[in-house]
N, C-alpha and C. Protein backbone atom coordinates (compact mmCIF):
# COMPACT_ATOMS: atom_id res chain seq x y z
N MET A 1 28.80 48.15 17.95
CA MET A 1 29.17 49.55 17.89
C MET A 1 28.38 50.25 16.78
N ALA A 2 28.59 49.84 15.51
CA ALA A 2 27.87 50.45 14.40
C ALA A 2 27.67 49.41 13.31
N LYS A 3 26.51 49.49 12.65
CA LYS A 3 26.23 48.56 11.56
C LYS A 3 26.41 49.30 10.24
N TYR A 4 26.95 48.55 9.27
CA TYR A 4 27.15 49.08 7.93
C TYR A 4 26.52 48.13 6.94
N LYS A 5 26.10 48.68 5.80
CA LYS A 5 25.54 47.84 4.75
C LYS A 5 26.25 48.14 3.44
N SER A 6 26.22 47.15 2.57
CA SER A 6 26.85 47.26 1.26
C SER A 6 25.98 46.58 0.23
N ARG A 7 26.04 47.05 -0.99
CA ARG A 7 25.28 46.38 -2.05
C ARG A 7 25.94 45.07 -2.44
N TYR A 8 27.20 44.89 -2.04
CA TYR A 8 27.91 43.64 -2.28
C TYR A 8 27.75 42.72 -1.07
N PRO A 9 27.26 41.51 -1.27
CA PRO A 9 26.98 40.64 -0.12
C PRO A 9 28.21 40.24 0.68
N GLU A 10 29.39 40.14 0.06
CA GLU A 10 30.58 39.72 0.78
C GLU A 10 31.75 40.67 0.51
N LEU A 11 31.53 41.94 0.68
CA LEU A 11 32.59 42.94 0.51
C LEU A 11 33.67 42.72 1.56
N ALA A 12 34.93 42.66 1.12
CA ALA A 12 36.05 42.45 2.05
C ALA A 12 36.86 43.74 2.16
N PHE A 13 37.42 43.98 3.34
CA PHE A 13 38.29 45.13 3.59
C PHE A 13 39.29 44.73 4.65
N TYR A 14 40.33 45.54 4.80
CA TYR A 14 41.40 45.22 5.75
C TYR A 14 41.49 46.27 6.84
N VAL A 15 41.70 45.81 8.07
CA VAL A 15 41.93 46.67 9.23
C VAL A 15 43.20 46.17 9.89
N ASN A 16 44.24 47.02 9.90
CA ASN A 16 45.54 46.66 10.48
C ASN A 16 46.07 45.34 9.90
N GLY A 17 45.90 45.14 8.59
CA GLY A 17 46.42 43.96 7.92
C GLY A 17 45.57 42.71 8.08
N VAL A 18 44.43 42.80 8.74
CA VAL A 18 43.56 41.65 8.95
C VAL A 18 42.30 41.83 8.08
N GLU A 19 41.98 40.78 7.31
CA GLU A 19 40.81 40.86 6.43
C GLU A 19 39.51 40.78 7.23
N ARG A 20 38.59 41.64 6.90
CA ARG A 20 37.22 41.62 7.46
C ARG A 20 36.28 41.50 6.28
N LYS A 21 35.08 40.92 6.49
CA LYS A 21 34.18 40.69 5.37
C LYS A 21 32.73 40.90 5.79
N PHE A 22 31.97 41.54 4.90
CA PHE A 22 30.53 41.67 5.08
C PHE A 22 29.90 40.31 4.89
N SER A 23 28.80 40.07 5.56
CA SER A 23 28.05 38.83 5.40
C SER A 23 26.61 39.20 5.05
N GLY A 24 26.19 38.84 3.86
CA GLY A 24 24.84 39.18 3.42
C GLY A 24 24.66 40.66 3.23
N GLY A 25 25.74 41.38 2.94
CA GLY A 25 25.66 42.82 2.73
C GLY A 25 25.62 43.63 4.00
N VAL A 26 25.88 42.99 5.15
CA VAL A 26 25.82 43.69 6.44
C VAL A 26 27.09 43.39 7.23
N TYR A 27 27.62 44.42 7.92
CA TYR A 27 28.78 44.23 8.78
C TYR A 27 28.56 45.00 10.08
N ASP A 28 28.83 44.37 11.21
CA ASP A 28 28.68 45.00 12.51
C ASP A 28 30.08 45.36 13.02
N ALA A 29 30.44 46.63 12.93
CA ALA A 29 31.76 47.09 13.36
C ALA A 29 31.85 47.06 14.88
N LYS A 30 32.95 46.50 15.38
CA LYS A 30 33.11 46.37 16.83
C LYS A 30 34.18 47.27 17.41
N THR A 31 35.06 47.83 16.56
CA THR A 31 36.14 48.69 17.06
C THR A 31 36.14 50.03 16.32
N ALA A 32 36.79 51.00 16.92
CA ALA A 32 36.90 52.32 16.30
C ALA A 32 37.72 52.26 15.02
N GLU A 33 38.70 51.34 14.95
CA GLU A 33 39.52 51.20 13.75
C GLU A 33 38.66 50.72 12.58
N GLU A 34 37.76 49.75 12.84
CA GLU A 34 36.87 49.27 11.79
C GLU A 34 35.96 50.38 11.30
N VAL A 35 35.43 51.18 12.21
CA VAL A 35 34.55 52.29 11.85
C VAL A 35 35.30 53.29 10.97
N ALA A 36 36.54 53.59 11.33
CA ALA A 36 37.34 54.54 10.56
C ALA A 36 37.56 54.04 9.13
N VAL A 37 37.87 52.76 8.97
CA VAL A 37 38.09 52.19 7.64
C VAL A 37 36.77 52.16 6.86
N LEU A 38 35.70 51.74 7.50
CA LEU A 38 34.40 51.65 6.82
C LEU A 38 33.90 53.02 6.38
N ASN A 39 34.19 54.05 7.15
CA ASN A 39 33.76 55.41 6.77
C ASN A 39 34.48 55.89 5.51
N ARG A 40 35.66 55.34 5.23
CA ARG A 40 36.40 55.72 4.03
C ARG A 40 36.02 54.90 2.80
N LEU A 41 35.35 53.79 2.99
CA LEU A 41 34.96 52.94 1.86
C LEU A 41 33.75 53.54 1.14
N SER A 42 33.85 53.63 -0.18
CA SER A 42 32.72 54.18 -0.93
C SER A 42 31.59 53.16 -1.09
N ASP A 43 31.90 51.86 -0.95
CA ASP A 43 30.88 50.82 -1.12
C ASP A 43 30.21 50.41 0.19
N ALA A 44 30.57 51.06 1.28
CA ALA A 44 29.94 50.77 2.58
C ALA A 44 29.30 52.04 3.10
N GLU A 45 28.11 51.90 3.62
CA GLU A 45 27.42 53.06 4.21
C GLU A 45 26.81 52.67 5.54
N PRO A 46 26.76 53.60 6.47
CA PRO A 46 26.16 53.29 7.78
C PRO A 46 24.70 52.90 7.62
N ASP A 47 24.28 51.89 8.36
CA ASP A 47 22.89 51.44 8.34
C ASP A 47 22.14 52.25 9.37
N THR A 48 21.37 53.22 8.89
CA THR A 48 20.66 54.12 9.80
C THR A 48 19.19 53.78 9.92
N GLU A 49 18.75 52.69 9.31
CA GLU A 49 17.34 52.32 9.39
C GLU A 49 16.99 51.88 10.80
N GLU A 50 15.90 52.42 11.29
CA GLU A 50 15.39 52.02 12.60
C GLU A 50 14.53 50.77 12.40
N PRO A 51 14.64 49.78 13.26
CA PRO A 51 13.76 48.63 13.12
C PRO A 51 12.31 49.03 13.36
N ALA A 52 11.42 48.43 12.60
CA ALA A 52 10.00 48.75 12.73
C ALA A 52 9.51 48.31 14.10
N GLN A 53 8.82 49.22 14.78
CA GLN A 53 8.32 48.91 16.11
C GLN A 53 6.81 48.71 16.04
N VAL A 54 6.35 47.68 16.69
CA VAL A 54 4.93 47.39 16.74
C VAL A 54 4.35 48.06 17.97
N ASP A 55 3.28 48.80 17.77
CA ASP A 55 2.64 49.47 18.89
C ASP A 55 1.75 48.46 19.61
N GLU A 56 2.23 47.95 20.73
CA GLU A 56 1.51 46.91 21.46
C GLU A 56 0.26 47.46 22.15
N VAL A 57 0.24 48.74 22.47
CA VAL A 57 -0.91 49.32 23.18
C VAL A 57 -2.14 49.24 22.30
N GLU A 58 -2.00 49.55 21.00
CA GLU A 58 -3.15 49.50 20.10
C GLU A 58 -3.69 48.09 19.99
N ALA A 59 -2.82 47.12 19.92
CA ALA A 59 -3.26 45.74 19.79
C ALA A 59 -4.01 45.28 21.04
N GLU A 60 -3.65 45.76 22.21
CA GLU A 60 -4.30 45.36 23.44
C GLU A 60 -5.66 46.04 23.60
N ASP A 61 -5.84 47.25 23.07
CA ASP A 61 -7.07 47.99 23.24
C ASP A 61 -8.21 47.45 22.38
N LYS A 62 -7.90 46.81 21.28
CA LYS A 62 -8.94 46.33 20.38
C LYS A 62 -9.53 45.02 20.93
N PRO A 63 -10.86 44.94 20.99
CA PRO A 63 -11.46 43.68 21.46
C PRO A 63 -11.29 42.60 20.40
N ALA A 64 -11.11 41.39 20.86
CA ALA A 64 -10.94 40.27 19.95
C ALA A 64 -12.29 39.90 19.37
N LYS A 65 -12.33 39.67 18.07
CA LYS A 65 -13.58 39.29 17.41
C LYS A 65 -13.82 37.80 17.63
N ALA A 66 -15.07 37.47 17.88
CA ALA A 66 -15.43 36.07 18.01
C ALA A 66 -15.50 35.47 16.61
N PRO A 67 -15.13 34.23 16.48
CA PRO A 67 -15.19 33.62 15.14
C PRO A 67 -16.63 33.56 14.66
N ALA A 68 -16.82 33.88 13.41
CA ALA A 68 -18.17 33.89 12.84
C ALA A 68 -18.66 32.46 12.67
N THR A 69 -19.87 32.24 13.15
CA THR A 69 -20.45 30.90 12.99
C THR A 69 -21.39 30.94 11.80
N THR A 70 -21.22 30.02 10.91
CA THR A 70 -22.09 29.96 9.73
C THR A 70 -22.76 28.60 9.69
N LYS A 71 -23.99 28.58 9.20
CA LYS A 71 -24.70 27.33 9.05
C LYS A 71 -24.19 26.65 7.79
N ARG A 72 -23.96 25.38 7.92
CA ARG A 72 -23.46 24.63 6.77
C ARG A 72 -24.64 23.96 6.07
N LYS A 73 -24.60 24.00 4.78
CA LYS A 73 -25.64 23.35 3.98
C LYS A 73 -25.29 21.88 3.85
N ALA A 74 -26.31 21.11 3.66
CA ALA A 74 -26.12 19.67 3.49
C ALA A 74 -25.35 19.41 2.19
N ASN A 75 -24.50 18.45 2.25
CA ASN A 75 -23.73 18.07 1.09
C ASN A 75 -24.64 17.41 0.06
N ALA A 76 -24.37 17.57 -1.21
CA ALA A 76 -25.23 17.01 -2.26
C ALA A 76 -25.26 15.49 -2.21
N THR A 77 -24.21 14.88 -1.67
CA THR A 77 -24.17 13.43 -1.63
C THR A 77 -24.72 12.86 -0.33
N SER A 78 -25.06 13.71 0.61
CA SER A 78 -25.59 13.20 1.87
C SER A 78 -27.03 12.77 1.70
N SER A 79 -27.46 11.90 2.53
CA SER A 79 -28.84 11.41 2.41
C SER A 79 -29.68 12.03 3.51
N ALA A 80 -30.25 13.18 3.21
CA ALA A 80 -31.12 13.84 4.16
C ALA A 80 -32.56 13.46 3.84
N LYS A 81 -33.25 12.81 4.75
CA LYS A 81 -34.62 12.35 4.49
C LYS A 81 -35.61 13.11 5.31
């Protein structure tokens, strides 16, 4: 339903007498009652960050570079005659 974040990794709160707890500073509210309680908490805020999206079209348009081939010099310990 809605994600909330907190600066406290395991912030606990109660909904209808049942304890709920953030995990890693994040809580995924599943009911309207949880959302109502979380909106009243000063230590919880809605997580409005959009996940970063990768533009796949740009990646497909660029031609793949061939690996650069370099000549290797003889090793100092090799016996080149």
